[in-house]
Amino acid sequence: MLFADRVTKSFGTRDLFEGVTFNIAAGERVALVGSNGAGKTTLLRLLAGEDSPTSGSAGHRNGSLGYLKQESGFDPEHALEEEVWTAFPEARGIELRLQELERLLADPAGDPAINAAALVAQQTELYERYDLLDGHTIAARVDRVLRGLGFKPTDRTKRCGDFSGGWRMRISLAKVLVLHPNHMLLDEPTNHLDASARSYLARELIDYEGTLVLVTHDAAFLDRVVKRVLEVSDSGVVSYTGNYTKYVQQKEKRRLLQEQAASRQERQIAKQEAFINRFRAGTKASLVQSREKQLAKVVRIERPKDEGTARFTITSLGRVEQKVVTLASVSHAYDDEIVLLDVNLTVERGQKIVLVGPNGSGKSTLLRIAAKQVRPSEGAVDWAEHARFGYYDQHQDEALRPERTVLEEVQSAAGAATAGQVRNVLGKFLFRGDDVFKPVSVLSGGERSRVALAKFLIQPTNVLLLDEPTNHLDRATRESLVKALQSYDGTIVCASHDQAILDTVATHVYEVRGGACVNTRIVTPAAPVKQQSKRRKK
């Protein structure tokens, strides 16, 4: 069971949430939703026991807990399989000791000091303990999870530190899944996952019999997995039954009912106030006083608050030549692993190219080569003279300086823009008032992504190179970004698993797989529908 009992969590003088109470029963699959910065990650930390509430209590009871954080945690020097086995320290220790005993017993005569009988007895005890720990099933479990998350057999001996950011998150996710704890807390597990890995994870979580609390902005994923939704906002935590789609429907129904109730009350109060103002000095003074007392006791129904939504546009600076960038015979390898082989790609003005393909296929490498972040092993990149490109890395938020304020961080990339102009941009990304003076170190993952996006978009460009730009963004901000990219009048090359970008932004789709980059789809934008004018009948 997971619980929060009258929990208040404060940061300085600000209450993130106050008096929050809920219970999550054994075996429930629950989504924790809310805008970036609402406190979802903080609530997970409280449930995991990694943070303490300012007042009240929170945590878990009855069983083990696995917690996937947004920041990957592992030993970069460990090989992949070795690192995943660290989820089972006792079983791993027994396995290593049994291997040592087998070596010693293979030639007991080689060392007169060896007591073979004692070693056999120890070996028997360790086998019995290993059986109790289900040690014989762990290897099969590790194999199934690593395959399901897309790791190749050759990855098993690869150093964890040699994996890219998205794969590093998968390592941390694998450690939680193989552990199969009684409770799982998963913070943004679908970020960086391709369609195949997302489908595998959904199946794992549907079959999981323990208690699950899941944070993700992937609505389709939530619809498949969860049966209850807890919404976190500045007014507390509200519970909704059903999956994400049912939550949205119930929330809208509640909003309409609250709006109607507030309107009815306002009309009643207005009627009473009109009576009071009309007869205050007349013969009905005593009745007026009575109604004033009644009115003072009325608990006002608040109208539903408009949820803050990032609203921004992206404008290209200056016109670029028809051929924007050409990648000619580009090949690249990391050590002995060939990622790209003889890739030829020409991007023309106004095109919005989306790169698709499984993780590790080379999409990010292709973008980094185009952005001159990586020099290709072979081939050349030729940019047009008037091209001004901006490159957004999928881990752009990790490059932010934690000691800077939000304002300082964005201003560092704003060139000649004044503080007022920067604050105006930040306001569109929901950083208003004193929020711009928050240190980056205290921001949630989604808020850091908004800062990184604001820092990127404030720079003058006419070509956007984007690597998974919607990762970590909440639904409303992601929708705003997709609309901005759709109406952008410049050129885009974007690697993304986001279906909305594929459906509404892409003019060309290229699949990166097996070292190649192949055009799989050209989208012809639909012509705007002309509305026929209606003639007035005589």
Protein backbone atom coordinates (compact mmCIF):
# COMPACT_ATOMS: atom_id res chain seq x y z
CA MET A 1 0.00 0.00 0.00
CA LEU A 2 1.10 3.57 -0.75
CA PHE A 3 -0.23 6.49 1.25
CA ALA A 4 -0.15 10.22 1.93
CA ASP A 5 -1.77 11.54 5.09
CA ARG A 6 -2.35 15.32 5.37
CA VAL A 7 0.91 16.00 3.60
CA THR A 8 2.22 19.52 3.16
CA LYS A 9 5.46 20.15 1.30
CA SER A 10 7.02 23.59 1.30
CA PHE A 11 10.03 25.06 -0.43
CA GLY A 12 10.99 28.24 1.38
CA THR A 13 7.83 30.29 1.77
CA ARG A 14 6.02 28.46 -1.06
CA ASP A 15 3.69 25.52 -0.38
CA LEU A 16 3.93 23.12 -3.30
CA PHE A 17 0.87 21.31 -1.95
CA GLU A 18 -0.98 21.36 1.34
CA GLY A 19 -3.02 18.80 3.28
CA VAL A 20 -2.80 16.08 0.61
CA THR A 21 -4.35 12.74 1.56
CA PHE A 22 -4.78 9.59 -0.55
CA ASN A 23 -4.33 5.82 -0.41
CA ILE A 24 -3.30 3.47 -3.20
CA ALA A 25 -4.33 -0.11 -2.48
CA ALA A 26 -2.21 -3.18 -3.21
CA GLY A 27 -2.36 -4.11 -6.89
CA GLU A 28 -3.72 -0.76 -8.13
CA ARG A 29 -2.27 0.80 -11.30
CA VAL A 30 -2.44 4.57 -10.87
CA ALA A 31 -1.34 7.52 -13.01
CA LEU A 32 -0.07 10.69 -11.39
CA VAL A 33 -0.87 13.60 -13.73
CA GLY A 34 -0.56 17.37 -13.64
CA SER A 35 1.28 20.23 -15.28
CA ASN A 36 5.06 20.53 -15.14
CA GLY A 37 6.08 21.77 -11.69
CA ALA A 38 2.84 20.68 -9.99
CA GLY A 39 4.75 18.32 -7.69
CA LYS A 40 4.46 14.86 -9.27
CA THR A 41 8.14 13.98 -8.87
CA THR A 42 8.14 15.38 -5.32
CA LEU A 43 5.18 13.14 -4.43
CA LEU A 44 7.03 10.11 -5.82
CA ARG A 45 10.09 10.98 -3.71
CA LEU A 46 7.87 11.22 -0.62
CA LEU A 47 6.26 7.83 -1.36
CA ALA A 48 9.70 6.30 -1.89
CA GLY A 49 10.99 7.71 1.40
CA GLU A 50 13.70 9.74 -0.36
CA ASP A 51 12.28 13.04 0.90
CA SER A 52 10.27 14.08 3.95
CA PRO A 53 7.10 16.16 4.02
CA THR A 54 7.08 19.50 5.83
CA SER A 55 4.14 18.09 7.78
CA GLY A 56 2.05 14.93 7.62
CA SER A 57 3.30 11.51 6.56
CA ALA A 58 3.77 9.57 3.32
CA GLY A 59 5.36 6.32 2.23
CA HIS A 60 4.74 2.66 1.48
CA ARG A 61 3.95 -0.44 3.52
CA ASN A 62 4.12 -4.19 3.08
CA GLY A 63 6.84 -5.12 0.64
CA SER A 64 9.73 -4.01 -1.51
CA LEU A 65 9.78 -0.91 -3.71
CA GLY A 66 11.39 -0.10 -7.06
CA TYR A 67 11.77 3.54 -8.06
CA LEU A 68 12.69 4.81 -11.53
CA LYS A 69 13.90 8.41 -11.35
CA GLN A 70 14.20 10.82 -14.26
CA GLU A 71 17.96 10.86 -13.67
CA SER A 72 19.56 7.52 -14.53
CA GLY A 73 21.56 5.87 -11.75
CA PHE A 74 24.25 3.25 -12.37
CA ASP A 75 28.00 2.63 -12.28
CA PRO A 76 29.33 3.78 -15.66
CA GLU A 77 32.23 1.29 -15.41
CA HIS A 78 29.93 -1.73 -15.09
CA ALA A 79 29.01 -3.79 -18.11
CA LEU A 80 25.28 -3.68 -18.88
CA GLU A 81 24.46 -7.19 -17.64
CA GLU A 82 26.65 -6.74 -14.57
CA GLU A 83 24.82 -3.52 -13.70
CA VAL A 84 21.35 -5.06 -14.07
CA TRP A 85 22.42 -7.88 -11.73
CA THR A 86 23.16 -5.27 -9.03
CA ALA A 87 19.40 -5.30 -8.42
CA PHE A 88 20.03 -8.69 -6.77
CA PRO A 89 23.10 -8.18 -4.57
CA GLU A 90 22.64 -11.32 -2.43
CA ALA A 91 21.85 -13.62 -5.35
CA ARG A 92 24.76 -12.16 -7.33
CA GLY A 93 27.12 -12.67 -4.39
CA ILE A 94 26.01 -16.28 -4.05
CA GLU A 95 26.43 -16.89 -7.76
CA LEU A 96 30.00 -15.53 -7.73
CA ARG A 97 30.88 -17.57 -4.62
CA LEU A 98 29.47 -20.74 -6.20
CA GLN A 99 31.62 -20.13 -9.28
CA GLU A 100 34.64 -19.81 -7.01
CA LEU A 101 33.75 -23.01 -5.13
CA GLU A 102 33.39 -24.93 -8.38
CA ARG A 103 36.87 -23.78 -9.39
CA LEU A 104 38.37 -24.82 -6.06
CA LEU A 105 36.61 -28.19 -6.02
CA ALA A 106 37.65 -28.94 -9.59
CA ASP A 107 41.19 -29.60 -8.34
CA PRO A 108 41.16 -29.99 -4.53
CA ALA A 109 44.48 -31.85 -4.62
CA GLY A 110 46.20 -28.78 -6.06
CA ASP A 111 45.95 -27.03 -2.69
CA PRO A 112 46.51 -29.18 0.44
CA ALA A 113 44.89 -26.49 2.60
CA ILE A 114 41.50 -27.00 0.92
CA ASN A 115 38.92 -28.83 3.01
CA ALA A 116 36.82 -30.36 0.28
CA ALA A 117 34.11 -31.61 2.64
CA ALA A 118 33.64 -28.13 4.15
CA LEU A 119 33.47 -26.56 0.71
CA VAL A 120 30.85 -29.05 -0.45
CA ALA A 121 28.78 -28.31 2.67
CA GLN A 122 29.05 -24.59 2.01
CA GLN A 123 28.12 -25.18 -1.62
CA THR A 124 24.98 -27.09 -0.57
CA GLU A 125 23.90 -24.28 1.79
CA LEU A 126 24.43 -21.67 -0.93
CA TYR A 127 22.40 -23.67 -3.46
CA GLU A 128 19.52 -23.89 -0.97
CA ARG A 129 19.66 -20.15 -0.30
CA TYR A 130 19.87 -19.44 -4.05
CA ASP A 131 16.73 -21.51 -4.59
CA LEU A 132 14.90 -19.52 -1.89
CA LEU A 133 15.86 -16.32 -3.70
CA ASP A 134 14.56 -17.74 -7.03
CA GLY A 135 18.07 -17.22 -8.32
CA HIS A 136 17.59 -19.66 -11.20
CA THR A 137 14.85 -17.46 -12.68
CA ILE A 138 16.82 -14.21 -12.49
CA ALA A 139 18.97 -14.86 -15.55
CA ALA A 140 15.89 -15.60 -17.67
CA ARG A 141 14.19 -12.48 -16.30
CA VAL A 142 17.21 -10.30 -17.07
CA ASP A 143 17.37 -11.72 -20.59
CA ARG A 144 13.64 -11.11 -21.23
CA VAL A 145 13.71 -7.51 -19.96
CA LEU A 146 16.87 -6.52 -21.84
CA ARG A 147 15.49 -7.97 -25.07
CA GLY A 148 12.12 -6.31 -24.52
CA LEU A 149 13.75 -2.90 -24.01
CA GLY A 150 15.67 -3.28 -27.26
CA PHE A 151 19.18 -4.12 -26.08
CA LYS A 152 21.17 -6.29 -28.50
CA PRO A 153 23.08 -9.39 -27.30
CA THR A 154 26.33 -7.54 -28.01
CA ASP A 155 25.24 -4.77 -25.61
CA ARG A 156 25.46 -7.11 -22.61
CA THR A 157 29.23 -6.60 -22.22
CA LYS A 158 29.22 -2.90 -23.17
CA ARG A 159 30.12 -0.34 -20.48
CA CYS A 160 27.09 1.53 -19.13
CA GLY A 161 28.98 4.80 -19.56
CA ASP A 162 29.26 4.16 -23.31
CA PHE A 163 25.48 4.20 -23.84
CA SER A 164 23.71 7.37 -24.99
CA GLY A 165 21.29 9.22 -22.71
CA GLY A 166 18.11 7.48 -23.87
CA TRP A 167 19.68 4.05 -23.46
CA ARG A 168 20.98 4.98 -20.03
CA MET A 169 17.41 5.56 -18.90
CA ARG A 170 16.56 2.08 -20.20
CA ILE A 171 19.31 0.60 -18.03
CA SER A 172 17.71 2.13 -14.94
CA LEU A 173 14.27 0.97 -16.09
CA ALA A 174 15.58 -2.57 -16.66
CA LYS A 175 16.90 -2.69 -13.06
CA VAL A 176 13.43 -1.87 -11.71
CA LEU A 177 11.59 -4.30 -14.00
CA VAL A 178 13.85 -7.31 -13.31
CA LEU A 179 13.56 -6.72 -9.58
CA HIS A 180 9.79 -7.21 -9.81
CA PRO A 181 9.13 -5.42 -6.48
CA ASN A 182 5.83 -5.24 -4.62
CA HIS A 183 5.51 -1.55 -5.47
CA MET A 184 6.81 0.37 -8.49
CA LEU A 185 7.16 4.13 -8.89
CA LEU A 186 8.02 5.07 -12.48
CA ASP A 187 8.84 8.69 -13.33
CA GLU A 188 8.66 9.31 -17.09
CA PRO A 189 9.57 5.75 -18.19
CA THR A 190 8.35 6.28 -21.78
CA ASN A 191 10.74 9.14 -22.55
CA HIS A 192 13.27 8.09 -25.21
CA LEU A 193 11.43 4.79 -25.88
CA ASP A 194 10.56 3.88 -29.45
CA ALA A 195 7.23 2.26 -30.34
CA SER A 196 8.49 -1.30 -29.88
CA ALA A 197 9.95 -0.66 -26.41
CA ARG A 198 6.82 1.29 -25.33
CA SER A 199 4.63 -1.62 -26.40
CA TYR A 200 6.81 -4.07 -24.46
CA LEU A 201 6.73 -1.87 -21.33
CA ALA A 202 2.94 -1.56 -21.52
CA ARG A 203 2.59 -5.37 -21.63
CA GLU A 204 4.95 -5.75 -18.66
CA LEU A 205 2.99 -3.26 -16.57
CA ILE A 206 -0.40 -4.73 -17.51
CA ASP A 207 0.81 -8.16 -16.35
CA TYR A 208 2.46 -6.73 -13.22
CA GLU A 209 0.52 -7.76 -10.10
CA GLY A 210 2.04 -5.25 -7.68
CA THR A 211 1.15 -1.63 -6.95
CA LEU A 212 2.10 0.84 -9.68
CA VAL A 213 2.31 4.64 -9.69
CA LEU A 214 3.19 6.01 -13.11
CA VAL A 215 4.11 9.49 -14.32
CA THR A 216 4.11 10.02 -18.08
CA HIS A 217 2.62 12.51 -20.55
CA ASP A 218 1.87 9.71 -23.04
CA ALA A 219 -1.95 9.59 -22.98
CA ALA A 220 -2.20 6.49 -25.19
CA PHE A 221 0.20 4.62 -22.91
CA LEU A 222 -1.82 5.59 -19.82
CA ASP A 223 -5.03 4.44 -21.50
CA ARG A 224 -3.52 0.98 -21.94
CA VAL A 225 -2.03 0.63 -18.46
CA VAL A 226 -3.80 2.49 -15.64
CA LYS A 227 -7.19 2.11 -13.98
CA ARG A 228 -7.15 5.24 -11.82
CA VAL A 229 -5.79 8.79 -12.13
CA LEU A 230 -4.60 11.12 -9.37
CA GLU A 231 -4.39 14.73 -10.58
CA VAL A 232 -1.89 16.98 -8.79
CA SER A 233 -2.52 20.73 -8.83
CA ASP A 234 -2.12 23.75 -6.55
CA SER A 235 -5.50 22.87 -5.03
CA GLY A 236 -4.36 19.39 -3.95
CA VAL A 237 -4.81 15.88 -5.32
CA VAL A 238 -8.10 14.74 -6.88
CA SER A 239 -8.87 11.09 -7.66
CA TYR A 240 -10.60 9.92 -10.86
CA THR A 241 -11.60 6.36 -11.71
CA GLY A 242 -10.72 4.82 -15.06
CA ASN A 243 -7.97 5.42 -17.59
CA TYR A 244 -6.66 8.74 -18.93
CA THR A 245 -9.45 9.30 -21.48
CA LYS A 246 -12.10 8.75 -18.80
CA TYR A 247 -10.20 11.13 -16.50
CA VAL A 248 -10.34 13.88 -19.14
CA GLN A 249 -14.08 13.31 -19.59
CA GLN A 250 -14.77 13.32 -15.83
CA LYS A 251 -12.64 16.40 -15.30
CA GLU A 252 -14.51 18.32 -17.98
CA LYS A 253 -17.84 17.25 -16.46
CA ARG A 254 -16.70 18.43 -13.01
CA ARG A 255 -15.51 21.71 -14.51
CA LEU A 256 -18.90 22.34 -16.16
CA LEU A 257 -20.81 21.50 -12.96
CA GLN A 258 -18.57 23.81 -10.91
CA GLU A 259 -19.00 26.57 -13.50
CA GLN A 260 -22.79 26.17 -13.40
CA ALA A 261 -22.87 26.09 -9.59
CA ALA A 262 -20.73 29.24 -9.38
CA SER A 263 -23.01 31.02 -11.87
CA ARG A 264 -26.15 30.07 -9.91
CA GLN A 265 -24.62 31.27 -6.67
CA GLU A 266 -23.47 34.54 -8.20
CA ARG A 267 -27.02 35.23 -9.45
CA GLN A 268 -28.47 34.49 -5.99
CA ILE A 269 -25.88 36.71 -4.27
CA ALA A 270 -26.51 39.51 -6.76
CA LYS A 271 -30.25 39.30 -6.03
CA GLN A 272 -29.64 39.50 -2.26
CA GLU A 273 -27.21 42.42 -2.65
CA ALA A 274 -29.75 44.31 -4.80
CA PHE A 275 -32.40 43.83 -2.06
CA ILE A 276 -29.94 45.02 0.61
CA ASN A 277 -28.92 48.12 -1.33
CA ARG A 278 -32.56 48.99 -2.11
CA PHE A 279 -33.99 48.70 1.43
CA ARG A 280 -30.94 49.48 3.60
CA ALA A 281 -32.34 52.78 4.91
CA GLY A 282 -36.06 51.96 4.71
CA THR A 283 -38.64 50.17 6.84
CA LYS A 284 -37.08 46.78 6.15
CA ALA A 285 -33.78 47.60 7.90
CA SER A 286 -34.02 44.62 10.26
CA LEU A 287 -34.65 42.26 7.33
CA VAL A 288 -31.70 43.83 5.52
CA GLN A 289 -29.43 43.14 8.53
CA SER A 290 -30.62 39.53 8.63
CA ARG A 291 -29.85 39.03 4.96
CA GLU A 292 -26.42 40.67 5.36
CA LYS A 293 -25.56 38.17 8.11
CA GLN A 294 -26.73 35.28 5.94
CA LEU A 295 -24.69 36.57 3.02
CA ALA A 296 -21.56 36.85 5.17
CA LYS A 297 -21.82 33.13 6.01
CA VAL A 298 -22.06 31.99 2.40
CA VAL A 299 -19.07 29.95 1.24
CA ARG A 300 -18.30 31.27 -2.21
CA ILE A 301 -17.96 28.72 -5.00
CA GLU A 302 -14.85 29.52 -7.00
CA ARG A 303 -15.00 29.36 -10.75
CA PRO A 304 -12.61 26.77 -12.23
CA LYS A 305 -9.17 28.22 -12.78
CA ASP A 306 -7.83 28.37 -16.29
CA GLU A 307 -4.87 26.01 -16.51
CA GLY A 308 -1.69 27.76 -17.50
CA THR A 309 -0.68 26.89 -21.03
CA ALA A 310 2.57 27.77 -22.73
CA ARG A 311 1.69 29.75 -25.84
CA PHE A 312 4.42 30.72 -28.24
CA THR A 313 5.24 31.10 -31.90
CA ILE A 314 8.51 30.46 -33.73
CA THR A 315 9.57 32.86 -36.45
CA SER A 316 12.44 32.27 -38.85
CA LEU A 317 15.02 35.01 -39.37
CA GLY A 318 15.81 35.85 -42.98
CA ARG A 319 15.43 33.90 -46.18
CA VAL A 320 17.72 30.97 -46.92
CA GLU A 321 18.78 29.52 -50.28
CA GLN A 322 16.70 26.77 -51.94
CA LYS A 323 19.20 24.05 -50.95
CA VAL A 324 19.58 24.50 -47.21
CA VAL A 325 21.99 21.70 -46.28
CA THR A 326 23.46 18.70 -48.07
CA LEU A 327 24.92 15.60 -46.43
CA ALA A 328 27.02 13.81 -49.04
CA SER A 329 28.20 10.19 -48.62
CA VAL A 330 28.18 10.51 -44.83
CA SER A 331 29.32 7.50 -42.82
CA HIS A 332 30.03 7.27 -39.11
CA ALA A 333 31.13 4.61 -36.64
CA TYR A 334 31.70 4.42 -32.91
CA ASP A 335 34.71 2.13 -32.50
CA ASP A 336 33.76 -0.95 -34.54
CA GLU A 337 30.02 -0.20 -34.62
CA ILE A 338 28.88 1.38 -37.90
CA VAL A 339 25.93 3.71 -37.27
CA LEU A 340 25.60 5.50 -40.63
CA LEU A 341 26.77 4.19 -43.99
CA ASP A 342 26.96 6.33 -47.16
CA VAL A 343 24.00 8.57 -46.26
CA ASN A 344 22.98 11.21 -48.80
CA LEU A 345 20.40 13.78 -47.77
CA THR A 346 19.47 17.14 -49.28
CA VAL A 347 17.19 19.42 -47.28
CA GLU A 348 15.41 22.18 -49.20
CA ARG A 349 13.88 25.43 -48.00
CA GLY A 350 10.53 25.03 -46.24
CA GLN A 351 10.78 21.27 -45.83
CA LYS A 352 9.89 19.79 -42.45
CA ILE A 353 11.69 16.47 -42.32
CA VAL A 354 11.01 14.01 -39.51
CA LEU A 355 13.52 11.23 -38.85
CA VAL A 356 12.05 7.99 -37.49
CA GLY A 357 13.53 4.65 -36.54
CA PRO A 358 14.37 2.58 -33.47
CA ASN A 359 16.58 3.97 -30.72
CA GLY A 360 20.22 3.52 -31.58
CA SER A 361 19.59 3.55 -35.34
CA GLY A 362 21.58 6.78 -35.84
CA LYS A 363 18.96 9.57 -35.85
CA SER A 364 20.70 11.59 -33.14
CA THR A 365 24.09 11.01 -34.73
CA LEU A 366 22.79 12.26 -38.08
CA LEU A 367 21.45 15.43 -36.45
CA ARG A 368 24.67 16.02 -34.51
CA ILE A 369 26.69 15.65 -37.71
CA ALA A 370 24.38 18.14 -39.48
CA ALA A 371 24.76 20.51 -36.50
CA LYS A 372 28.58 20.20 -36.67
CA GLN A 373 28.64 18.70 -33.19
CA VAL A 374 30.26 15.54 -34.56
CA ARG A 375 32.67 15.20 -37.47
CA PRO A 376 31.62 12.24 -39.66
CA SER A 377 34.05 9.36 -40.22
CA GLU A 378 33.53 9.91 -43.94
CA GLY A 379 31.60 12.35 -46.13
CA ALA A 380 30.82 16.04 -45.96
CA VAL A 381 28.16 18.49 -44.74
CA ASP A 382 27.54 21.63 -46.79
CA TRP A 383 25.36 24.44 -45.41
CA ALA A 384 23.88 27.28 -47.46
CA GLU A 385 25.50 30.66 -46.95
CA HIS A 386 22.44 32.29 -45.36
CA ALA A 387 21.42 29.32 -43.21
CA ARG A 388 21.25 30.08 -39.48
CA PHE A 389 20.55 26.81 -37.75
CA GLY A 390 19.77 26.07 -34.14
CA TYR A 391 20.34 22.61 -32.64
CA TYR A 392 18.15 21.26 -29.83
CA ASP A 393 19.64 18.18 -28.18
CA GLN A 394 17.25 15.69 -26.57
CA HIS A 395 19.27 16.18 -23.34
CA GLN A 396 19.41 19.96 -23.66
CA ASP A 397 17.99 20.36 -20.16
CA GLU A 398 21.00 18.52 -18.69
CA ALA A 399 23.30 21.26 -20.01
CA LEU A 400 21.58 23.98 -17.97
CA ARG A 401 23.64 25.58 -15.19
CA PRO A 402 21.94 24.60 -11.89
CA GLU A 403 23.25 27.63 -9.98
CA ARG A 404 21.74 30.12 -12.43
CA THR A 405 18.22 31.49 -12.19
CA VAL A 406 15.73 30.82 -14.96
CA LEU A 407 16.15 34.42 -16.15
CA GLU A 408 19.97 34.24 -16.12
CA GLU A 409 20.02 30.94 -17.99
CA VAL A 410 17.81 32.13 -20.85
CA GLN A 411 19.45 35.56 -20.94
CA SER A 412 22.82 33.85 -21.48
CA ALA A 413 21.61 32.81 -24.95
CA ALA A 414 19.56 35.91 -25.75
CA GLY A 415 22.29 38.04 -27.27
CA ALA A 416 21.29 41.72 -27.25
CA ALA A 417 17.78 41.06 -25.90
CA THR A 418 16.91 43.07 -22.79
CA ALA A 419 15.81 41.52 -19.49
CA GLY A 420 12.29 42.73 -20.25
CA GLN A 421 12.27 40.98 -23.63
CA VAL A 422 13.60 37.79 -22.05
CA ARG A 423 10.93 37.93 -19.33
CA ASN A 424 8.29 38.37 -22.03
CA VAL A 425 9.51 35.17 -23.71
CA LEU A 426 9.64 33.34 -20.38
CA GLY A 427 6.06 34.40 -19.67
CA LYS A 428 4.96 32.50 -22.76
CA PHE A 429 6.64 29.44 -21.22
CA LEU A 430 4.71 29.98 -17.93
CA PHE A 431 7.60 31.52 -15.97
CA ARG A 432 5.96 34.63 -14.59
CA GLY A 433 6.62 36.99 -11.71
CA ASP A 434 9.12 35.65 -9.20
CA ASP A 435 9.27 32.30 -11.02
CA VAL A 436 12.00 33.75 -13.26
CA PHE A 437 14.27 34.04 -10.21
CA LYS A 438 14.03 30.36 -9.29
CA PRO A 439 17.37 28.52 -9.45
CA VAL A 440 17.46 25.89 -12.18
CA SER A 441 18.43 23.34 -9.48
CA VAL A 442 14.93 23.37 -7.92
CA LEU A 443 12.97 22.94 -11.18
CA SER A 444 11.15 19.76 -12.15
CA GLY A 445 12.22 17.84 -15.25
CA GLY A 446 9.39 19.37 -17.27
CA GLU A 447 10.19 22.90 -16.09
CA ARG A 448 13.86 22.41 -17.04
CA SER A 449 12.72 21.31 -20.49
CA ARG A 450 10.67 24.50 -20.83
CA VAL A 451 13.71 26.59 -19.85
CA ALA A 452 15.86 24.71 -22.38
CA LEU A 453 13.22 25.25 -25.06
CA ALA A 454 12.92 28.97 -24.26
CA LYS A 455 16.73 29.29 -24.34
CA PHE A 456 16.81 27.56 -27.70
CA LEU A 457 13.96 29.45 -29.34
CA ILE A 458 15.12 32.91 -28.26
CA GLN A 459 18.11 32.54 -30.59
CA PRO A 460 17.61 33.86 -34.17
CA THR A 461 17.43 30.95 -36.65
CA ASN A 462 15.88 29.97 -39.96
CA VAL A 463 16.60 26.21 -39.66
CA LEU A 464 15.67 24.05 -36.67
CA LEU A 465 17.51 20.80 -35.92
CA LEU A 466 15.46 19.10 -33.20
CA ASP A 467 16.17 15.86 -31.34
CA GLU A 468 13.07 14.60 -29.50
CA PRO A 469 11.89 18.13 -28.57
CA THR A 470 8.66 17.02 -26.84
CA ASN A 471 10.32 14.76 -24.24
CA HIS A 472 9.43 15.75 -20.64
CA LEU A 473 6.88 18.37 -21.78
CA ASP A 474 3.38 18.19 -20.33
CA ARG A 475 0.44 17.70 -22.68
CA ALA A 476 -0.50 21.38 -23.00
CA THR A 477 3.08 22.56 -23.65
CA ARG A 478 3.67 19.74 -26.12
CA GLU A 479 0.51 20.67 -28.04
CA SER A 480 1.62 24.31 -28.14
CA LEU A 481 5.06 23.32 -29.46
CA VAL A 482 3.57 21.08 -32.14
CA LYS A 483 1.30 23.92 -33.31
CA ALA A 484 4.27 26.33 -33.36
CA LEU A 485 6.32 23.89 -35.46
CA GLN A 486 3.36 23.36 -37.77
CA SER A 487 3.08 27.09 -38.49
CA TYR A 488 6.86 27.75 -38.52
CA ASP A 489 7.87 29.36 -41.81
CA GLY A 490 11.44 28.05 -41.80
CA THR A 491 13.03 24.63 -42.36
CA ILE A 492 12.98 21.74 -39.86
CA VAL A 493 14.87 18.48 -39.46
CA CYS A 494 13.51 16.64 -36.42
CA ALA A 495 14.04 13.22 -34.85
CA SER A 496 10.89 12.23 -32.99
CA HIS A 497 8.69 9.37 -31.81
CA ASP A 498 5.82 11.82 -31.24
CA GLN A 499 2.89 10.82 -33.44
CA ALA A 500 1.50 14.38 -33.41
CA ILE A 501 4.69 15.68 -35.05
CA LEU A 502 4.49 12.97 -37.68
CA ASP A 503 0.81 13.63 -38.35
CA THR A 504 0.72 17.43 -38.37
CA VAL A 505 4.25 18.82 -38.86
CA ALA A 506 6.12 16.50 -41.26
CA THR A 507 6.28 17.21 -44.97
CA HIS A 508 8.82 14.39 -45.44
CA VAL A 509 9.48 11.30 -43.31
CA TYR A 510 12.84 9.52 -43.46
CA GLU A 511 13.53 6.20 -41.76
CA VAL A 512 17.01 5.75 -40.30
CA ARG A 513 17.79 2.06 -39.98
CA GLY A 514 20.68 -0.26 -40.72
CA GLY A 515 22.98 2.66 -41.46
CA ALA A 516 20.72 4.07 -44.20
CA CYS A 517 18.42 7.11 -44.32
CA VAL A 518 15.49 6.41 -46.65
CA ASN A 519 12.59 8.66 -47.61
CA THR A 520 9.41 6.73 -46.76
CA ARG A 521 6.73 9.39 -47.06
CA ILE A 522 6.11 12.77 -48.68
CA VAL A 523 3.15 14.67 -47.32
CA THR A 524 1.29 17.12 -49.55
CA PRO A 525 -0.32 19.76 -47.34
CA ALA A 526 -4.05 19.99 -47.89
CA ALA A 527 -5.21 23.17 -49.58
CA PRO A 528 -7.30 25.41 -47.33
CA VAL A 529 -10.99 24.91 -47.78
CA LYS A 530 -12.69 27.95 -49.30
CA GLN A 531 -15.96 28.87 -47.71
CA GLN A 532 -18.69 29.77 -50.16
CA SER A 533 -20.27 33.14 -49.62
CA LYS A 534 -23.97 33.08 -48.92
CA ARG A 535 -26.15 35.38 -51.01
CA ARG A 536 -28.97 37.11 -49.28
CA LYS A 537 -32.31 36.12 -50.70
CA LYS A 538 -34.43 38.91 -52.05
